[in-house]
Structures are given as structure tokens and as C-alpha cells.
PDB file of all heavy atoms in Angstrom:
ATOM      1  N   THR A   1     -35.048   7.776 -23.795  1.00  0.00           N
ATOM      2  CA  THR A   1     -33.767   8.279 -23.301  1.00  0.00           C
ATOM      3  C   THR A   1     -33.868   8.668 -21.834  1.00  0.00           C
ATOM      4  O   THR A   1     -33.029   8.279 -21.003  1.00  0.00           O
ATOM      5  CB  THR A   1     -33.312   9.496 -24.130  1.00  0.00           C
ATOM      6  OG1 THR A   1     -33.192   9.111 -25.500  1.00  0.00           O
ATOM      7  CG2 THR A   1     -31.983  10.028 -23.630  1.00  0.00           C
ATOM      8  N   ALA A   2     -34.895   9.431 -21.487  1.00  0.00           N
ATOM      9  CA  ALA A   2     -35.074   9.864 -20.102  1.00  0.00           C
ATOM     10  C   ALA A   2     -35.270   8.683 -19.169  1.00  0.00           C
ATOM     11  O   ALA A   2     -34.717   8.638 -18.059  1.00  0.00           O
ATOM     12  CB  ALA A   2     -36.261  10.819 -20.007  1.00  0.00           C
ATOM     13  N   THR A   3     -36.031   7.697 -19.614  1.00  0.00           N
ATOM     14  CA  THR A   3     -36.353   6.549 -18.764  1.00  0.00           C
ATOM     15  C   THR A   3     -35.145   5.642 -18.558  1.00  0.00           C
ATOM     16  O   THR A   3     -34.868   5.201 -17.432  1.00  0.00           O
ATOM     17  CB  THR A   3     -37.523   5.765 -19.381  1.00  0.00           C
ATOM     18  OG1 THR A   3     -38.649   6.642 -19.495  1.00  0.00           O
ATOM     19  CG2 THR A   3     -37.902   4.568 -18.534  1.00  0.00           C
ATOM     20  N   LEU A   4     -34.403   5.358 -19.621  1.00  0.00           N
ATOM     21  CA  LEU A   4     -33.207   4.535 -19.480  1.00  0.00           C
ATOM     22  C   LEU A   4     -32.149   5.251 -18.649  1.00  0.00           C
ATOM     23  O   LEU A   4     -31.461   4.629 -17.830  1.00  0.00           O
ATOM     24  CB  LEU A   4     -32.650   4.167 -20.849  1.00  0.00           C
ATOM     25  CG  LEU A   4     -33.516   3.298 -21.765  1.00  0.00           C
ATOM     26  CD1 LEU A   4     -32.738   2.906 -23.023  1.00  0.00           C
ATOM     27  CD2 LEU A   4     -34.038   2.053 -21.059  1.00  0.00           C
ATOM     28  N   SER A   5     -32.019   6.551 -18.852  1.00  0.00           N
ATOM     29  CA  SER A   5     -31.042   7.321 -18.074  1.00  0.00           C
ATOM     30  C   SER A   5     -31.389   7.304 -16.595  1.00  0.00           C
ATOM     31  O   SER A   5     -30.506   7.146 -15.742  1.00  0.00           O
ATOM     32  CB  SER A   5     -30.993   8.763 -18.585  1.00  0.00           C
ATOM     33  OG  SER A   5     -30.534   8.809 -19.916  1.00  0.00           O
ATOM     34  N   ALA A   6     -32.662   7.474 -16.281  1.00  0.00           N
ATOM     35  CA  ALA A   6     -33.090   7.458 -14.883  1.00  0.00           C
ATOM     36  C   ALA A   6     -32.851   6.104 -14.236  1.00  0.00           C
ATOM     37  O   ALA A   6     -32.694   6.006 -13.014  1.00  0.00           O
ATOM     38  CB  ALA A   6     -34.569   7.825 -14.787  1.00  0.00           C
ATOM     39  N   ALA A   7     -32.795   5.049 -15.051  1.00  0.00           N
ATOM     40  CA  ALA A   7     -32.533   3.704 -14.539  1.00  0.00           C
ATOM     41  C   ALA A   7     -31.043   3.400 -14.448  1.00  0.00           C
ATOM     42  O   ALA A   7     -30.663   2.262 -14.147  1.00  0.00           O
ATOM     43  CB  ALA A   7     -33.219   2.664 -15.427  1.00  0.00           C
ATOM     44  N   GLY A   8     -30.193   4.400 -14.720  1.00  0.00           N
ATOM     45  CA  GLY A   8     -28.756   4.221 -14.556  1.00  0.00           C
ATOM     46  C   GLY A   8     -27.979   3.993 -15.831  1.00  0.00           C
ATOM     47  O   GLY A   8     -26.761   3.806 -15.795  1.00  0.00           O
ATOM     48  N   CYS A   9     -28.657   3.994 -16.970  1.00  0.00           N
ATOM     49  CA  CYS A   9     -28.002   3.711 -18.247  1.00  0.00           C
ATOM     50  C   CYS A   9     -27.297   4.964 -18.770  1.00  0.00           C
ATOM     51  O   CYS A   9     -27.839   6.069 -18.710  1.00  0.00           O
ATOM     52  CB  CYS A   9     -29.055   3.255 -19.248  1.00  0.00           C
ATOM     53  SG  CYS A   9     -28.409   2.520 -20.746  1.00  0.00           S
ATOM     54  N   ARG A  10     -26.084   4.809 -19.276  1.00  0.00           N
ATOM     55  CA  ARG A  10     -25.412   5.900 -19.978  1.00  0.00           C
ATOM     56  C   ARG A  10     -25.949   5.932 -21.404  1.00  0.00           C
ATOM     57  O   ARG A  10     -25.905   4.924 -22.106  1.00  0.00           O
ATOM     58  CB  ARG A  10     -23.898   5.702 -19.984  1.00  0.00           C
ATOM     59  CG  ARG A  10     -23.266   5.879 -18.603  1.00  0.00           C
ATOM     60  CD  ARG A  10     -21.753   5.833 -18.694  1.00  0.00           C
ATOM     61  NE  ARG A  10     -21.282   4.535 -19.168  1.00  0.00           N
ATOM     62  CZ  ARG A  10     -20.337   4.351 -20.079  1.00  0.00           C
ATOM     63  NH1 ARG A  10     -19.760   5.379 -20.663  1.00  0.00           N
ATOM     64  NH2 ARG A  10     -19.953   3.135 -20.421  1.00  0.00           N
ATOM     65  N   THR A  11     -26.459   7.073 -21.823  1.00  0.00           N
ATOM     66  CA  THR A  11     -27.187   7.130 -23.088  1.00  0.00           C
ATOM     67  C   THR A  11     -26.588   8.142 -24.044  1.00  0.00           C
ATOM     68  O   THR A  11     -26.108   9.205 -23.650  1.00  0.00           O
ATOM     69  CB  THR A  11     -28.672   7.480 -22.854  1.00  0.00           C
ATOM     70  OG1 THR A  11     -28.746   8.723 -22.148  1.00  0.00           O
ATOM     71  CG2 THR A  11     -29.374   6.404 -22.064  1.00  0.00           C
ATOM     72  N   ALA A  12     -26.661   7.790 -25.322  1.00  0.00           N
ATOM     73  CA  ALA A  12     -26.301   8.695 -26.409  1.00  0.00           C
ATOM     74  C   ALA A  12     -27.496   8.777 -27.338  1.00  0.00           C
ATOM     75  O   ALA A  12     -28.126   7.758 -27.653  1.00  0.00           O
ATOM     76  CB  ALA A  12     -25.074   8.178 -27.165  1.00  0.00           C
ATOM     77  N   ILE A  13     -27.826   9.988 -27.750  1.00  0.00           N
ATOM     78  CA  ILE A  13     -28.946  10.174 -28.664  1.00  0.00           C
ATOM     79  C   ILE A  13     -28.439  10.707 -29.991  1.00  0.00           C
ATOM     80  O   ILE A  13     -27.400  11.362 -30.065  1.00  0.00           O
ATOM     81  CB  ILE A  13     -30.022  11.107 -28.085  1.00  0.00           C
ATOM     82  CG1 ILE A  13     -29.444  12.504 -27.769  1.00  0.00           C
ATOM     83  CG2 ILE A  13     -30.642  10.492 -26.837  1.00  0.00           C
ATOM     84  CD1 ILE A  13     -30.497  13.515 -27.333  1.00  0.00           C
ATOM     85  N   ALA A  14     -29.199  10.420 -31.045  1.00  0.00           N
ATOM     86  CA  ALA A  14     -28.822  10.853 -32.378  1.00  0.00           C
ATOM     87  C   ALA A  14     -30.060  11.315 -33.128  1.00  0.00           C
ATOM     88  O   ALA A  14     -31.159  10.802 -32.923  1.00  0.00           O
ATOM     89  CB  ALA A  14     -28.130   9.721 -33.141  1.00  0.00           C
ATOM     90  N   GLY A  15     -29.870  12.285 -33.987  1.00  0.00           N
ATOM     91  CA  GLY A  15     -30.963  12.798 -34.806  1.00  0.00           C
ATOM     92  C   GLY A  15     -30.408  13.763 -35.833  1.00  0.00           C
ATOM     93  O   GLY A  15     -29.213  14.086 -35.850  1.00  0.00           O
ATOM     94  N   ARG A  16     -31.292  14.266 -36.686  1.00  0.00           N
ATOM     95  CA  ARG A  16     -30.850  15.120 -37.785  1.00  0.00           C
ATOM     96  C   ARG A  16     -30.619  16.567 -37.362  1.00  0.00           C
ATOM     97  O   ARG A  16     -29.825  17.268 -37.985  1.00  0.00           O
ATOM     98  CB  ARG A  16     -31.886  15.084 -38.915  1.00  0.00           C
ATOM     99  CG  ARG A  16     -31.932  13.765 -39.668  1.00  0.00           C
ATOM    100  CD  ARG A  16     -33.040  13.760 -40.694  1.00  0.00           C
ATOM    101  NE  ARG A  16     -34.358  13.785 -40.067  1.00  0.00           N
ATOM    102  CZ  ARG A  16     -35.506  13.929 -40.720  1.00  0.00           C
ATOM    103  NH1 ARG A  16     -35.488  14.103 -42.022  1.00  0.00           N
ATOM    104  NH2 ARG A  16     -36.644  13.915 -40.083  1.00  0.00           N
ATOM    105  N   ARG A  17     -31.328  17.039 -36.326  1.00  0.00           N
ATOM    106  CA  ARG A  17     -31.318  18.466 -36.003  1.00  0.00           C
ATOM    107  C   ARG A  17     -30.516  18.722 -34.731  1.00  0.00           C
ATOM    108  O   ARG A  17     -30.905  18.301 -33.647  1.00  0.00           O
ATOM    109  CB  ARG A  17     -32.754  18.961 -35.848  1.00  0.00           C
ATOM    110  CG  ARG A  17     -33.544  18.908 -37.165  1.00  0.00           C
ATOM    111  CD  ARG A  17     -35.008  19.178 -36.942  1.00  0.00           C
ATOM    112  NE  ARG A  17     -35.639  18.103 -36.166  1.00  0.00           N
ATOM    113  CZ  ARG A  17     -36.925  18.101 -35.814  1.00  0.00           C
ATOM    114  NH1 ARG A  17     -37.693  19.117 -36.127  1.00  0.00           N
ATOM    115  NH2 ARG A  17     -37.420  17.097 -35.131  1.00  0.00           N
ATOM    116  N   GLN A  18     -29.418  19.461 -34.898  1.00  0.00           N
ATOM    117  CA  GLN A  18     -28.533  19.734 -33.770  1.00  0.00           C
ATOM    118  C   GLN A  18     -29.245  20.495 -32.668  1.00  0.00           C
ATOM    119  O   GLN A  18     -29.027  20.221 -31.478  1.00  0.00           O
ATOM    120  CB  GLN A  18     -27.323  20.533 -34.260  1.00  0.00           C
ATOM    121  CG  GLN A  18     -26.266  20.764 -33.197  1.00  0.00           C
ATOM    122  CD  GLN A  18     -25.560  19.485 -32.782  1.00  0.00           C
ATOM    123  OE1 GLN A  18     -25.011  18.786 -33.627  1.00  0.00           O
ATOM    124  NE2 GLN A  18     -25.573  19.165 -31.489  1.00  0.00           N
ATOM    125  N   GLU A  19     -30.095  21.454 -33.035  1.00  0.00           N
ATOM    126  CA  GLU A  19     -30.758  22.258 -32.011  1.00  0.00           C
ATOM    127  C   GLU A  19     -31.690  21.416 -31.147  1.00  0.00           C
ATOM    128  O   GLU A  19     -31.796  21.638 -29.934  1.00  0.00           O
ATOM    129  CB  GLU A  19     -31.523  23.433 -32.640  1.00  0.00           C
ATOM    130  CG  GLU A  19     -32.725  23.077 -33.492  1.00  0.00           C
ATOM    131  CD  GLU A  19     -32.386  22.694 -34.928  1.00  0.00           C
ATOM    132  OE1 GLU A  19     -31.183  22.537 -35.234  1.00  0.00           O
ATOM    133  OE2 GLU A  19     -33.324  22.563 -35.722  1.00  0.00           O
ATOM    134  N   LYS A  20     -32.344  20.444 -31.744  1.00  0.00           N
ATOM    135  CA  LYS A  20     -33.216  19.552 -30.967  1.00  0.00           C
ATOM    136  C   LYS A  20     -32.385  18.662 -30.043  1.00  0.00           C
ATOM    137  O   LYS A  20     -32.767  18.409 -28.894  1.00  0.00           O
ATOM    138  CB  LYS A  20     -34.055  18.688 -31.904  1.00  0.00           C
ATOM    139  CG  LYS A  20     -35.099  19.449 -32.701  1.00  0.00           C
ATOM    140  CD  LYS A  20     -36.236  19.906 -31.815  1.00  0.00           C
ATOM    141  CE  LYS A  20     -37.357  20.536 -32.626  1.00  0.00           C
ATOM    142  NZ  LYS A  20     -38.467  21.016 -31.776  1.00  0.00           N
ATOM    143  N   LEU A  21     -31.267  18.182 -30.531  1.00  0.00           N
ATOM    144  CA  LEU A  21     -30.384  17.362 -29.710  1.00  0.00           C
ATOM    145  C   LEU A  21     -29.847  18.159 -28.534  1.00  0.00           C
ATOM    146  O   LEU A  21     -29.834  17.669 -27.391  1.00  0.00           O
ATOM    147  CB  LEU A  21     -29.228  16.830 -30.554  1.00  0.00           C
ATOM    148  CG  LEU A  21     -29.577  15.835 -31.667  1.00  0.00           C
ATOM    149  CD1 LEU A  21     -28.382  15.616 -32.579  1.00  0.00           C
ATOM    150  CD2 LEU A  21     -30.057  14.511 -31.089  1.00  0.00           C
ATOM    151  N   ASP A  22     -29.413  19.381 -28.798  1.00  0.00           N
ATOM    152  CA  ASP A  22     -28.877  20.221 -27.721  1.00  0.00           C
ATOM    153  C   ASP A  22     -29.940  20.474 -26.650  1.00  0.00           C
ATOM    154  O   ASP A  22     -29.645  20.430 -25.442  1.00  0.00           O
ATOM    155  CB  ASP A  22     -28.384  21.551 -28.287  1.00  0.00           C
ATOM    156  CG  ASP A  22     -27.148  21.399 -29.159  1.00  0.00           C
ATOM    157  OD1 ASP A  22     -26.472  20.354 -29.057  1.00  0.00           O
ATOM    158  OD2 ASP A  22     -26.863  22.328 -29.938  1.00  0.00           O
ATOM    159  N   ALA A  23     -31.169  20.761 -27.080  1.00  0.00           N
ATOM    160  CA  ALA A  23     -32.248  21.017 -26.128  1.00  0.00           C
ATOM    161  C   ALA A  23     -32.544  19.786 -25.289  1.00  0.00           C
ATOM    162  O   ALA A  23     -32.782  19.877 -24.077  1.00  0.00           O
ATOM    163  CB  ALA A  23     -33.505  21.468 -26.870  1.00  0.00           C
ATOM    164  N   ALA A  24     -32.515  18.616 -25.905  1.00  0.00           N
ATOM    165  CA  ALA A  24     -32.780  17.380 -25.175  1.00  0.00           C
ATOM    166  C   ALA A  24     -31.690  17.111 -24.146  1.00  0.00           C
ATOM    167  O   ALA A  24     -31.980  16.748 -22.995  1.00  0.00           O
ATOM    168  CB  ALA A  24     -32.902  16.204 -26.144  1.00  0.00           C
TER     169      ALA A  24
END
């Protein structure tokens, strides 16, 4: 996610734990 975003990509992440997603 960090690498694609730094290359200009608009990114969406998904996972089971909301707190981990928020921190990311």
C-alpha cells in the first residue's frame, strides 16, 4: 500500500480489524 501510494496510485485497503485499518 505504501509503495503503490508513493508511486501515485490511489489505494484502498481492506481487513478484518477496524483499528488496524485506521492506524494504517
